[in-house]
Amino acid sequence: MAFSKTFEAAEPARAEVDLFAGPTVLEFGTPWCAYCIGAQAVLESAFRAYPNVRHLKIEDGSGRPLGRSFRVKLWPTLIFLRDGKEVARLVRPGTAQEVEQALQQIDGSA
């Protein structure tokens, strides 16, 4: 759980994501994307106060079904889920504060 530093090449199926229990953030991007690299310090800072939130970094790209099912167009895109349902979305977040506000919406423990 908590902040993940590594993009996963293997993505879970959408049906599996829909069944996730509790707070989860899906981060779509790639390890070579300049916007994704630039956002990492902001994300890591925001996640410090939310150790109970599952964070999955999903390597995205053309033909990747999970990103398409969430209509991801730009990287990084963060999908904030509570019990498998989308509650908030941030595209190319610029501040830890906006990430923290979205995290507050899905995690009641902080």
PDB file of N, CA and C in Angstrom:
ATOM      1  N   MET A   1       0.839  -1.181   0.000  1.00  0.00           N
ATOM      2  CA  MET A   1       0.000   0.000   0.000  1.00  0.00           C
ATOM      3  C   MET A   1       0.885   1.246   0.000  1.00  0.00           C
ATOM      4  N   ALA A   2       0.279   2.387   0.112  1.00  0.00           N
ATOM      5  CA  ALA A   2       0.961   3.679   0.107  1.00  0.00           C
ATOM      6  C   ALA A   2       1.601   3.961  -1.256  1.00  0.00           C
ATOM      7  N   PHE A   3       2.447   4.969  -1.299  1.00  0.00           N
ATOM      8  CA  PHE A   3       3.012   5.452  -2.553  1.00  0.00           C
ATOM      9  C   PHE A   3       3.892   4.397  -3.225  1.00  0.00           C
ATOM     10  N   SER A   4       3.683   4.206  -4.501  1.00  0.00           N
ATOM     11  CA  SER A   4       4.478   3.266  -5.294  1.00  0.00           C
ATOM     12  C   SER A   4       5.401   4.057  -6.216  1.00  0.00           C
ATOM     13  N   LYS A   5       6.640   3.635  -6.324  1.00  0.00           N
ATOM     14  CA  LYS A   5       7.613   4.341  -7.164  1.00  0.00           C
ATOM     15  C   LYS A   5       7.777   3.716  -8.544  1.00  0.00           C
ATOM     16  N   THR A   6       7.224   2.540  -8.750  1.00  0.00           N
ATOM     17  CA  THR A   6       7.469   1.794  -9.984  1.00  0.00           C
ATOM     18  C   THR A   6       6.184   1.587 -10.776  1.00  0.00           C
ATOM     19  N   PHE A   7       6.265   1.867 -12.094  1.00  0.00           N
ATOM     20  CA  PHE A   7       5.137   1.588 -12.977  1.00  0.00           C
ATOM     21  C   PHE A   7       5.060   0.087 -13.223  1.00  0.00           C
ATOM     22  N   GLU A   8       3.860  -0.451 -13.127  1.00  0.00           N
ATOM     23  CA  GLU A   8       3.621  -1.860 -13.382  1.00  0.00           C
ATOM     24  C   GLU A   8       3.299  -2.055 -14.854  1.00  0.00           C
ATOM     25  N   ALA A   9       4.031  -2.936 -15.513  1.00  0.00           N
ATOM     26  CA  ALA A   9       3.763  -3.215 -16.925  1.00  0.00           C
ATOM     27  C   ALA A   9       2.486  -4.043 -17.078  1.00  0.00           C
ATOM     28  N   ALA A  10       2.223  -4.932 -16.120  1.00  0.00           N
ATOM     29  CA  ALA A  10       1.010  -5.754 -16.163  1.00  0.00           C
ATOM     30  C   ALA A  10      -0.101  -5.019 -15.417  1.00  0.00           C
ATOM     31  N   GLU A  11      -1.184  -4.780 -16.115  1.00  0.00           N
ATOM     32  CA  GLU A  11      -2.296  -4.066 -15.492  1.00  0.00           C
ATOM     33  C   GLU A  11      -3.381  -5.036 -15.050  1.00  0.00           C
ATOM     34  N   PRO A  12      -4.092  -4.700 -13.967  1.00  0.00           N
ATOM     35  CA  PRO A  12      -5.217  -5.543 -13.572  1.00  0.00           C
ATOM     36  C   PRO A  12      -6.369  -5.365 -14.568  1.00  0.00           C
ATOM     37  N   ALA A  13      -7.251  -6.323 -14.607  1.00  0.00           N
ATOM     38  CA  ALA A  13      -8.440  -6.219 -15.458  1.00  0.00           C
ATOM     39  C   ALA A  13      -9.407  -5.212 -14.846  1.00  0.00           C
ATOM     40  N   ARG A  14     -10.193  -4.567 -15.672  1.00  0.00           N
ATOM     41  CA  ARG A  14     -11.157  -3.580 -15.178  1.00  0.00           C
ATOM     42  C   ARG A  14     -12.134  -4.221 -14.192  1.00  0.00           C
ATOM     43  N   ALA A  15     -12.538  -5.453 -14.449  1.00  0.00           N
ATOM     44  CA  ALA A  15     -13.460  -6.140 -13.537  1.00  0.00           C
ATOM     45  C   ALA A  15     -12.829  -6.296 -12.151  1.00  0.00           C
ATOM     46  N   GLU A  16     -11.532  -6.541 -12.109  1.00  0.00           N
ATOM     47  CA  GLU A  16     -10.817  -6.661 -10.833  1.00  0.00           C
ATOM     48  C   GLU A  16     -10.772  -5.304 -10.118  1.00  0.00           C
ATOM     49  N   VAL A  17     -10.487  -4.232 -10.869  1.00  0.00           N
ATOM     50  CA  VAL A  17     -10.431  -2.881 -10.296  1.00  0.00           C
ATOM     51  C   VAL A  17     -11.795  -2.492  -9.718  1.00  0.00           C
ATOM     52  N   ASP A  18     -12.848  -2.827 -10.425  1.00  0.00           N
ATOM     53  CA  ASP A  18     -14.197  -2.499  -9.967  1.00  0.00           C
ATOM     54  C   ASP A  18     -14.545  -3.165  -8.644  1.00  0.00           C
ATOM     55  N   LEU A  19     -13.836  -4.229  -8.291  1.00  0.00           N
ATOM     56  CA  LEU A  19     -14.086  -4.956  -7.045  1.00  0.00           C
ATOM     57  C   LEU A  19     -13.138  -4.556  -5.914  1.00  0.00           C
ATOM     58  N   PHE A  20     -12.203  -3.628  -6.170  1.00  0.00           N
ATOM     59  CA  PHE A  20     -11.278  -3.193  -5.127  1.00  0.00           C
ATOM     60  C   PHE A  20     -12.063  -2.656  -3.940  1.00  0.00           C
ATOM     61  N   ALA A  21     -11.655  -3.029  -2.745  1.00  0.00           N
ATOM     62  CA  ALA A  21     -12.279  -2.511  -1.522  1.00  0.00           C
ATOM     63  C   ALA A  21     -11.409  -1.392  -0.964  1.00  0.00           C
ATOM     64  N   GLY A  22     -12.051  -0.363  -0.439  1.00  0.00           N
ATOM     65  CA  GLY A  22     -11.327   0.732   0.186  1.00  0.00           C
ATOM     66  C   GLY A  22     -10.807   1.750  -0.811  1.00  0.00           C
ATOM     67  N   PRO A  23      -9.921   2.649  -0.331  1.00  0.00           N
ATOM     68  CA  PRO A  23      -9.398   3.714  -1.176  1.00  0.00           C
ATOM     69  C   PRO A  23      -8.232   3.251  -2.051  1.00  0.00           C
ATOM     70  N   THR A  24      -8.292   3.613  -3.331  1.00  0.00           N
ATOM     71  CA  THR A  24      -7.255   3.246  -4.289  1.00  0.00           C
ATOM     72  C   THR A  24      -7.036   4.402  -5.249  1.00  0.00           C
ATOM     73  N   VAL A  25      -5.777   4.624  -5.614  1.00  0.00           N
ATOM     74  CA  VAL A  25      -5.457   5.585  -6.665  1.00  0.00           C
ATOM     75  C   VAL A  25      -4.764   4.836  -7.788  1.00  0.00           C
ATOM     76  N   LEU A  26      -5.314   4.977  -8.988  1.00  0.00           N
ATOM     77  CA  LEU A  26      -4.669   4.454 -10.189  1.00  0.00           C
ATOM     78  C   LEU A  26      -3.959   5.615 -10.845  1.00  0.00           C
ATOM     79  N   GLU A  27      -2.665   5.479 -11.049  1.00  0.00           N
ATOM     80  CA  GLU A  27      -1.882   6.506 -11.729  1.00  0.00           C
ATOM     81  C   GLU A  27      -1.479   5.954 -13.097  1.00  0.00           C
ATOM     82  N   PHE A  28      -2.003   6.556 -14.150  1.00  0.00           N
ATOM     83  CA  PHE A  28      -1.674   6.127 -15.507  1.00  0.00           C
ATOM     84  C   PHE A  28      -0.571   7.021 -16.072  1.00  0.00           C
ATOM     85  N   GLY A  29       0.445   6.403 -16.646  1.00  0.00           N
ATOM     86  CA  GLY A  29       1.551   7.145 -17.238  1.00  0.00           C
ATOM     87  C   GLY A  29       2.597   6.181 -17.754  1.00  0.00           C
ATOM     88  N   THR A  30       3.816   6.687 -17.917  1.00  0.00           N
ATOM     89  CA  THR A  30       4.940   5.850 -18.325  1.00  0.00           C
ATOM     90  C   THR A  30       6.192   6.322 -17.593  1.00  0.00           C
ATOM     91  N   PRO A  31       7.188   5.460 -17.469  1.00  0.00           N
ATOM     92  CA  PRO A  31       8.406   5.865 -16.772  1.00  0.00           C
ATOM     93  C   PRO A  31       9.234   6.891 -17.550  1.00  0.00           C
ATOM     94  N   TRP A  32       8.992   7.051 -18.838  1.00  0.00           N
ATOM     95  CA  TRP A  32       9.764   8.001 -19.646  1.00  0.00           C
ATOM     96  C   TRP A  32       9.034   9.319 -19.908  1.00  0.00           C
ATOM     97  N   CYS A  33       7.802   9.449 -19.461  1.00  0.00           N
ATOM     98  CA  CYS A  33       6.998  10.660 -19.681  1.00  0.00           C
ATOM     99  C   CYS A  33       7.513  11.801 -18.797  1.00  0.00           C
ATOM    100  N   ALA A  34       7.880  12.926 -19.394  1.00  0.00           N
ATOM    101  CA  ALA A  34       8.416  14.061 -18.641  1.00  0.00           C
ATOM    102  C   ALA A  34       7.396  14.596 -17.630  1.00  0.00           C
ATOM    103  N   TYR A  35       6.118  14.642 -18.000  1.00  0.00           N
ATOM    104  CA  TYR A  35       5.090  15.109 -17.072  1.00  0.00           C
ATOM    105  C   TYR A  35       4.968  14.152 -15.884  1.00  0.00           C
ATOM    106  N   CYS A  36       5.055  12.856 -16.160  1.00  0.00           N
ATOM    107  CA  CYS A  36       4.960  11.848 -15.096  1.00  0.00           C
ATOM    108  C   CYS A  36       6.145  11.961 -14.142  1.00  0.00           C
ATOM    109  N   ILE A  37       7.326  12.108 -14.691  1.00  0.00           N
ATOM    110  CA  ILE A  37       8.535  12.251 -13.875  1.00  0.00           C
ATOM    111  C   ILE A  37       8.435  13.507 -13.021  1.00  0.00           C
ATOM    112  N   GLY A  38       7.981  14.596 -13.627  1.00  0.00           N
ATOM    113  CA  GLY A  38       7.862  15.864 -12.913  1.00  0.00           C
ATOM    114  C   GLY A  38       6.847  15.842 -11.785  1.00  0.00           C
ATOM    115  N   ALA A  39       5.852  14.990 -11.879  1.00  0.00           N
ATOM    116  CA  ALA A  39       4.794  14.932 -10.862  1.00  0.00           C
ATOM    117  C   ALA A  39       5.159  14.068  -9.659  1.00  0.00           C
ATOM    118  N   GLN A  40       6.219  13.290  -9.739  1.00  0.00           N
ATOM    119  CA  GLN A  40       6.502  12.305  -8.689  1.00  0.00           C
ATOM    120  C   GLN A  40       6.748  12.917  -7.319  1.00  0.00           C
ATOM    121  N   ALA A  41       7.469  14.024  -7.224  1.00  0.00           N
ATOM    122  CA  ALA A  41       7.722  14.640  -5.917  1.00  0.00           C
ATOM    123  C   ALA A  41       6.422  15.134  -5.292  1.00  0.00           C
ATOM    124  N   VAL A  42       5.547  15.706  -6.108  1.00  0.00           N
ATOM    125  CA  VAL A  42       4.245  16.189  -5.636  1.00  0.00           C
ATOM    126  C   VAL A  42       3.418  15.016  -5.118  1.00  0.00           C
ATOM    127  N   LEU A  43       3.383  13.934  -5.875  1.00  0.00           N
ATOM    128  CA  LEU A  43       2.598  12.768  -5.484  1.00  0.00           C
ATOM    129  C   LEU A  43       3.141  12.127  -4.214  1.00  0.00           C
ATOM    130  N   GLU A  44       4.445  11.954  -4.154  1.00  0.00           N
ATOM    131  CA  GLU A  44       5.041  11.323  -2.976  1.00  0.00           C
ATOM    132  C   GLU A  44       4.767  12.161  -1.721  1.00  0.00           C
ATOM    133  N   SER A  45       4.857  13.467  -1.843  1.00  0.00           N
ATOM    134  CA  SER A  45       4.559  14.355  -0.721  1.00  0.00           C
ATOM    135  C   SER A  45       3.109  14.216  -0.268  1.00  0.00           C
ATOM    136  N   ALA A  46       2.194  14.209  -1.211  1.00  0.00           N
ATOM    137  CA  ALA A  46       0.765  14.120  -0.883  1.00  0.00           C
ATOM    138  C   ALA A  46       0.409  12.782  -0.250  1.00  0.00           C
ATOM    139  N   PHE A  47       1.029  11.715  -0.703  1.00  0.00           N
ATOM    140  CA  PHE A  47       0.690  10.375  -0.208  1.00  0.00           C
ATOM    141  C   PHE A  47       1.219  10.099   1.199  1.00  0.00           C
ATOM    142  N   ARG A  48       2.169  10.895   1.680  1.00  0.00           N
ATOM    143  CA  ARG A  48       2.744  10.643   3.012  1.00  0.00           C
ATOM    144  C   ARG A  48       1.684  10.571   4.107  1.00  0.00           C
ATOM    145  N   ALA A  49       0.682  11.407   4.013  1.00  0.00           N
ATOM    146  CA  ALA A  49      -0.357  11.444   5.042  1.00  0.00           C
ATOM    147  C   ALA A  49      -1.454  10.404   4.814  1.00  0.00           C
ATOM    148  N   TYR A  50      -1.311   9.598   3.769  1.00  0.00           N
ATOM    149  CA  TYR A  50      -2.360   8.631   3.423  1.00  0.00           C
ATOM    150  C   TYR A  50      -1.766   7.231   3.213  1.00  0.00           C
ATOM    151  N   PRO A  51      -1.164   6.657   4.250  1.00  0.00           N
ATOM    152  CA  PRO A  51      -0.535   5.345   4.097  1.00  0.00           C
ATOM    153  C   PRO A  51      -1.525   4.215   3.844  1.00  0.00           C
ATOM    154  N   ASN A  52      -2.809   4.443   4.108  1.00  0.00           N
ATOM    155  CA  ASN A  52      -3.819   3.395   3.916  1.00  0.00           C
ATOM    156  C   ASN A  52      -4.397   3.371   2.501  1.00  0.00           C
ATOM    157  N   VAL A  53      -3.970   4.291   1.666  1.00  0.00           N
ATOM    158  CA  VAL A  53      -4.482   4.341   0.298  1.00  0.00           C
ATOM    159  C   VAL A  53      -3.596   3.488  -0.607  1.00  0.00           C
ATOM    160  N   ARG A  54      -4.214   2.564  -1.305  1.00  0.00           N
ATOM    161  CA  ARG A  54      -3.503   1.733  -2.283  1.00  0.00           C
ATOM    162  C   ARG A  54      -3.181   2.609  -3.490  1.00  0.00           C
ATOM    163  N   HIS A  55      -1.931   2.562  -3.952  1.00  0.00           N
ATOM    164  CA  HIS A  55      -1.485   3.349  -5.101  1.00  0.00           C
ATOM    165  C   HIS A  55      -0.904   2.401  -6.142  1.00  0.00           C
ATOM    166  N   LEU A  56      -1.532   2.366  -7.301  1.00  0.00           N
ATOM    167  CA  LEU A  56      -1.053   1.523  -8.391  1.00  0.00           C
ATOM    168  C   LEU A  56      -0.616   2.409  -9.549  1.00  0.00           C
ATOM    169  N   LYS A  57       0.639   2.292  -9.923  1.00  0.00           N
ATOM    170  CA  LYS A  57       1.155   3.006 -11.092  1.00  0.00           C
ATOM    171  C   LYS A  57       1.018   2.045 -12.273  1.00  0.00           C
ATOM    172  N   ILE A  58       0.205   2.440 -13.232  1.00  0.00           N
ATOM    173  CA  ILE A  58      -0.070   1.582 -14.385  1.00  0.00           C
ATOM    174  C   ILE A  58       0.603   2.161 -15.615  1.00  0.00           C
ATOM    175  N   GLU A  59       1.509   1.398 -16.207  1.00  0.00           N
ATOM    176  CA  GLU A  59       2.134   1.841 -17.455  1.00  0.00           C
ATOM    177  C   GLU A  59       1.067   1.795 -18.543  1.00  0.00           C
ATOM    178  N   ASP A  60       0.823   2.948 -19.134  1.00  0.00           N
ATOM    179  CA  ASP A  60      -0.272   3.100 -20.086  1.00  0.00           C
ATOM    180  C   ASP A  60       0.288   3.256 -21.500  1.00  0.00           C
ATOM    181  N   GLY A  61      -0.572   3.118 -22.469  1.00  0.00           N
ATOM    182  CA  GLY A  61      -0.176   3.306 -23.859  1.00  0.00           C
ATOM    183  C   GLY A  61      -1.266   2.831 -24.790  1.00  0.00           C
ATOM    184  N   SER A  62      -1.011   2.987 -26.053  1.00  0.00           N
ATOM    185  CA  SER A  62      -1.963   2.592 -27.076  1.00  0.00           C
ATOM    186  C   SER A  62      -2.315   1.108 -26.934  1.00  0.00           C
ATOM    187  N   GLY A  63      -3.594   0.818 -26.968  1.00  0.00           N
ATOM    188  CA  GLY A  63      -4.048  -0.565 -26.895  1.00  0.00           C
ATOM    189  C   GLY A  63      -4.089  -1.148 -25.492  1.00  0.00           C
ATOM    190  N   ARG A  64      -3.807  -0.342 -24.479  1.00  0.00           N
ATOM    191  CA  ARG A  64      -3.873  -0.834 -23.103  1.00  0.00           C
ATOM    192  C   ARG A  64      -5.310  -0.676 -22.610  1.00  0.00           C
ATOM    193  N   PRO A  65      -6.014  -1.763 -22.345  1.00  0.00           N
ATOM    194  CA  PRO A  65      -7.448  -1.702 -22.070  1.00  0.00           C
ATOM    195  C   PRO A  65      -7.854  -0.953 -20.798  1.00  0.00           C
ATOM    196  N   LEU A  66      -7.050  -1.028 -19.730  1.00  0.00           N
ATOM    197  CA  LEU A  66      -7.484  -0.389 -18.490  1.00  0.00           C
ATOM    198  C   LEU A  66      -7.526   1.133 -18.649  1.00  0.00           C
ATOM    199  N   GLY A  67      -6.485   1.707 -19.213  1.00  0.00           N
ATOM    200  CA  GLY A  67      -6.481   3.155 -19.445  1.00  0.00           C
ATOM    201  C   GLY A  67      -7.595   3.589 -20.378  1.00  0.00           C
ATOM    202  N   ARG A  68      -7.879   2.793 -21.388  1.00  0.00           N
ATOM    203  CA  ARG A  68      -8.959   3.140 -22.316  1.00  0.00           C
ATOM    204  C   ARG A  68     -10.314   3.064 -21.610  1.00  0.00           C
ATOM    205  N   SER A  69     -10.470   2.092 -20.696  1.00  0.00           N
ATOM    206  CA  SER A  69     -11.751   1.954 -19.996  1.00  0.00           C
ATOM    207  C   SER A  69     -12.025   3.161 -19.099  1.00  0.00           C
ATOM    208  N   PHE A  70     -10.961   3.849 -18.657  1.00  0.00           N
ATOM    209  CA  PHE A  70     -11.111   5.066 -17.857  1.00  0.00           C
ATOM    210  C   PHE A  70     -10.983   6.329 -18.718  1.00  0.00           C
ATOM    211  N   ARG A  71     -10.905   6.157 -20.022  1.00  0.00           N
ATOM    212  CA  ARG A  71     -10.803   7.275 -20.981  1.00  0.00           C
ATOM    213  C   ARG A  71      -9.611   8.186 -20.698  1.00  0.00           C
ATOM    214  N   VAL A  72      -8.480   7.583 -20.382  1.00  0.00           N
ATOM    215  CA  VAL A  72      -7.247   8.334 -20.131  1.00  0.00           C
ATOM    216  C   VAL A  72      -6.724   8.868 -21.456  1.00  0.00           C
ATOM    217  N   LYS A  73      -6.437  10.172 -21.479  1.00  0.00           N
ATOM    218  CA  LYS A  73      -5.932  10.814 -22.702  1.00  0.00           C
ATOM    219  C   LYS A  73      -4.550  11.433 -22.495  1.00  0.00           C
ATOM    220  N   LEU A  74      -4.279  11.950 -21.287  1.00  0.00           N
ATOM    221  CA  LEU A  74      -3.000  12.591 -20.983  1.00  0.00           C
ATOM    222  C   LEU A  74      -2.372  11.920 -19.773  1.00  0.00           C
ATOM    223  N   TRP A  75      -1.056  12.016 -19.686  1.00  0.00           N
ATOM    224  CA  TRP A  75      -0.318  11.445 -18.555  1.00  0.00           C
ATOM    225  C   TRP A  75       0.317  12.551 -17.744  1.00  0.00           C
ATOM    226  N   PRO A  76       0.466  12.393 -16.474  1.00  0.00           N
ATOM    227  CA  PRO A  76      -0.193  11.366 -15.684  1.00  0.00           C
ATOM    228  C   PRO A  76      -1.656  11.712 -15.430  1.00  0.00           C
ATOM    229  N   THR A  77      -2.475  10.694 -15.406  1.00  0.00           N
ATOM    230  CA  THR A  77      -3.867  10.828 -14.982  1.00  0.00           C
ATOM    231  C   THR A  77      -4.035   9.969 -13.743  1.00  0.00           C
ATOM    232  N   LEU A  78      -4.576  10.571 -12.694  1.00  0.00           N
ATOM    233  CA  LEU A  78      -4.830   9.858 -11.443  1.00  0.00           C
ATOM    234  C   LEU A  78      -6.329   9.683 -11.274  1.00  0.00           C
ATOM    235  N   ILE A  79      -6.739   8.435 -11.071  1.00  0.00           N
ATOM    236  CA  ILE A  79      -8.137   8.097 -10.827  1.00  0.00           C
ATOM    237  C   ILE A  79      -8.239   7.704  -9.356  1.00  0.00           C
ATOM    238  N   PHE A  80      -9.060   8.414  -8.596  1.00  0.00           N
ATOM    239  CA  PHE A  80      -9.241   8.179  -7.169  1.00  0.00           C
ATOM    240  C   PHE A  80     -10.509   7.355  -6.983  1.00  0.00           C
ATOM    241  N   LEU A  81     -10.331   6.141  -6.459  1.00  0.00           N
ATOM    242  CA  LEU A  81     -11.440   5.200  -6.307  1.00  0.00           C
ATOM    243  C   LEU A  81     -11.755   4.951  -4.840  1.00  0.00           C
ATOM    244  N   ARG A  82     -13.019   4.770  -4.573  1.00  0.00           N
ATOM    245  CA  ARG A  82     -13.459   4.298  -3.257  1.00  0.00           C
ATOM    246  C   ARG A  82     -14.330   3.089  -3.530  1.00  0.00           C
ATOM    247  N   ASP A  83     -13.881   1.928  -3.055  1.00  0.00           N
ATOM    248  CA  ASP A  83     -14.597   0.667  -3.286  1.00  0.00           C
ATOM    249  C   ASP A  83     -14.879   0.443  -4.771  1.00  0.00           C
ATOM    250  N   GLY A  84     -13.868   0.702  -5.607  1.00  0.00           N
ATOM    251  CA  GLY A  84     -13.961   0.425  -7.040  1.00  0.00           C
ATOM    252  C   GLY A  84     -14.696   1.459  -7.867  1.00  0.00           C
ATOM    253  N   LYS A  85     -15.195   2.511  -7.234  1.00  0.00           N
ATOM    254  CA  LYS A  85     -15.960   3.554  -7.944  1.00  0.00           C
ATOM    255  C   LYS A  85     -15.135   4.836  -8.014  1.00  0.00           C
ATOM    256  N   GLU A  86     -15.108   5.465  -9.181  1.00  0.00           N
ATOM    257  CA  GLU A  86     -14.375   6.712  -9.343  1.00  0.00           C
ATOM    258  C   GLU A  86     -15.046   7.830  -8.554  1.00  0.00           C
ATOM    259  N   VAL A  87     -14.245   8.508  -7.722  1.00  0.00           N
ATOM    260  CA  VAL A  87     -14.713   9.618  -6.902  1.00  0.00           C
ATOM    261  C   VAL A  87     -14.124  10.933  -7.403  1.00  0.00           C
ATOM    262  N   ALA A  88     -12.872  10.885  -7.853  1.00  0.00           N
ATOM    263  CA  ALA A  88     -12.191  12.091  -8.332  1.00  0.00           C
ATOM    264  C   ALA A  88     -11.168  11.689  -9.387  1.00  0.00           C
ATOM    265  N   ARG A  89     -10.726  12.708 -10.144  1.00  0.00           N
ATOM    266  CA  ARG A  89      -9.740  12.495 -11.196  1.00  0.00           C
ATOM    267  C   ARG A  89      -8.880  13.750 -11.295  1.00  0.00           C
ATOM    268  N   LEU A  90      -7.578  13.549 -11.425  1.00  0.00           N
ATOM    269  CA  LEU A  90      -6.664  14.658 -11.661  1.00  0.00           C
ATOM    270  C   LEU A  90      -5.803  14.328 -12.870  1.00  0.00           C
ATOM    271  N   VAL A  91      -5.665  15.292 -13.757  1.00  0.00           N
ATOM    272  CA  VAL A  91      -4.813  15.143 -14.927  1.00  0.00           C
ATOM    273  C   VAL A  91      -3.667  16.138 -14.787  1.00  0.00           C
ATOM    274  N   ARG A  92      -2.444  15.616 -14.818  1.00  0.00           N
ATOM    275  CA  ARG A  92      -1.236  16.418 -14.670  1.00  0.00           C
ATOM    276  C   ARG A  92      -1.300  17.328 -13.439  1.00  0.00           C
ATOM    277  N   PRO A  93      -1.426  16.728 -12.253  1.00  0.00           N
ATOM    278  CA  PRO A  93      -1.518  17.532 -11.034  1.00  0.00           C
ATOM    279  C   PRO A  93      -0.258  18.371 -10.826  1.00  0.00           C
ATOM    280  N   GLY A  94      -0.467  19.598 -10.339  1.00  0.00           N
ATOM    281  CA  GLY A  94       0.654  20.510 -10.165  1.00  0.00           C
ATOM    282  C   GLY A  94       1.059  20.744  -8.725  1.00  0.00           C
ATOM    283  N   THR A  95       0.142  20.490  -7.791  1.00  0.00           N
ATOM    284  CA  THR A  95       0.464  20.735  -6.379  1.00  0.00           C
ATOM    285  C   THR A  95       0.067  19.547  -5.516  1.00  0.00           C
ATOM    286  N   ALA A  96       0.791  19.398  -4.415  1.00  0.00           N
ATOM    287  CA  ALA A  96       0.446  18.348  -3.457  1.00  0.00           C
ATOM    288  C   ALA A  96      -0.924  18.614  -2.857  1.00  0.00           C
ATOM    289  N   GLN A  97      -1.282  19.881  -2.720  1.00  0.00           N
ATOM    290  CA  GLN A  97      -2.572  20.228  -2.117  1.00  0.00           C
ATOM    291  C   GLN A  97      -3.742  19.677  -2.922  1.00  0.00           C
ATOM    292  N   GLU A  98      -3.694  19.788  -4.250  1.00  0.00           N
ATOM    293  CA  GLU A  98      -4.815  19.272  -5.038  1.00  0.00           C
ATOM    294  C   GLU A  98      -4.878  17.748  -4.969  1.00  0.00           C
ATOM    295  N   VAL A  99      -3.733  17.099  -4.870  1.00  0.00           N
ATOM    296  CA  VAL A  99      -3.717  15.645  -4.719  1.00  0.00           C
ATOM    297  C   VAL A  99      -4.269  15.272  -3.342  1.00  0.00           C
ATOM    298  N   GLU A 100      -3.858  15.998  -2.312  1.00  0.00           N
ATOM    299  CA  GLU A 100      -4.344  15.732  -0.957  1.00  0.00           C
ATOM    300  C   GLU A 100      -5.858  15.919  -0.861  1.00  0.00           C
ATOM    301  N   GLN A 101      -6.400  16.926  -1.529  1.00  0.00           N
ATOM    302  CA  GLN A 101      -7.850  17.138  -1.509  1.00  0.00           C
ATOM    303  C   GLN A 101      -8.585  15.947  -2.110  1.00  0.00           C
ATOM    304  N   ALA A 102      -8.060  15.403  -3.204  1.00  0.00           N
ATOM    305  CA  ALA A 102      -8.676  14.226  -3.814  1.00  0.00           C
ATOM    306  C   ALA A 102      -8.512  13.004  -2.910  1.00  0.00           C
ATOM    307  N   LEU A 103      -7.350  12.874  -2.269  1.00  0.00           N
ATOM    308  CA  LEU A 103      -7.140  11.760  -1.347  1.00  0.00           C
ATOM    309  C   LEU A 103      -8.105  11.825  -0.174  1.00  0.00           C
ATOM    310  N   GLN A 104      -8.387  13.009   0.325  1.00  0.00           N
ATOM    311  CA  GLN A 104      -9.327  13.171   1.426  1.00  0.00           C
ATOM    312  C   GLN A 104     -10.720  12.658   1.045  1.00  0.00           C
ATOM    313  N   GLN A 105     -11.062  12.775  -0.216  1.00  0.00           N
ATOM    314  CA  GLN A 105     -12.390  12.336  -0.669  1.00  0.00           C
ATOM    315  C   GLN A 105     -12.548  10.816  -0.618  1.00  0.00           C
ATOM    316  N   ILE A 106     -11.421  10.097  -0.693  1.00  0.00           N
ATOM    317  CA  ILE A 106     -11.538   8.633  -0.734  1.00  0.00           C
ATOM    318  C   ILE A 106     -11.087   7.954   0.553  1.00  0.00           C
ATOM    319  N   ASP A 107     -10.339   8.664   1.410  1.00  0.00           N
ATOM    320  CA  ASP A 107      -9.795   8.041   2.618  1.00  0.00           C
ATOM    321  C   ASP A 107     -10.225   8.818   3.847  1.00  0.00           C
ATOM    322  N   GLY A 108     -11.017   8.195   4.669  1.00  0.00           N
ATOM    323  CA  GLY A 108     -11.492   8.848   5.869  1.00  0.00           C
ATOM    324  C   GLY A 108     -10.590   8.680   7.079  1.00  0.00           C
ATOM    325  N   SER A 109      -9.432   8.005   6.929  1.00  0.00           N
ATOM    326  CA  SER A 109      -8.600   7.716   8.088  1.00  0.00           C
ATOM    327  C   SER A 109      -7.583   8.806   8.403  1.00  0.00           C
ATOM    328  N   ALA A 110      -7.338   9.740   7.475  1.00  0.00           N
ATOM    329  CA  ALA A 110      -6.306  10.759   7.700  1.00  0.00           C
ATOM    330  C   ALA A 110      -6.861  11.952   8.440  1.00  0.00           C
TER     331      ALA A 110
END
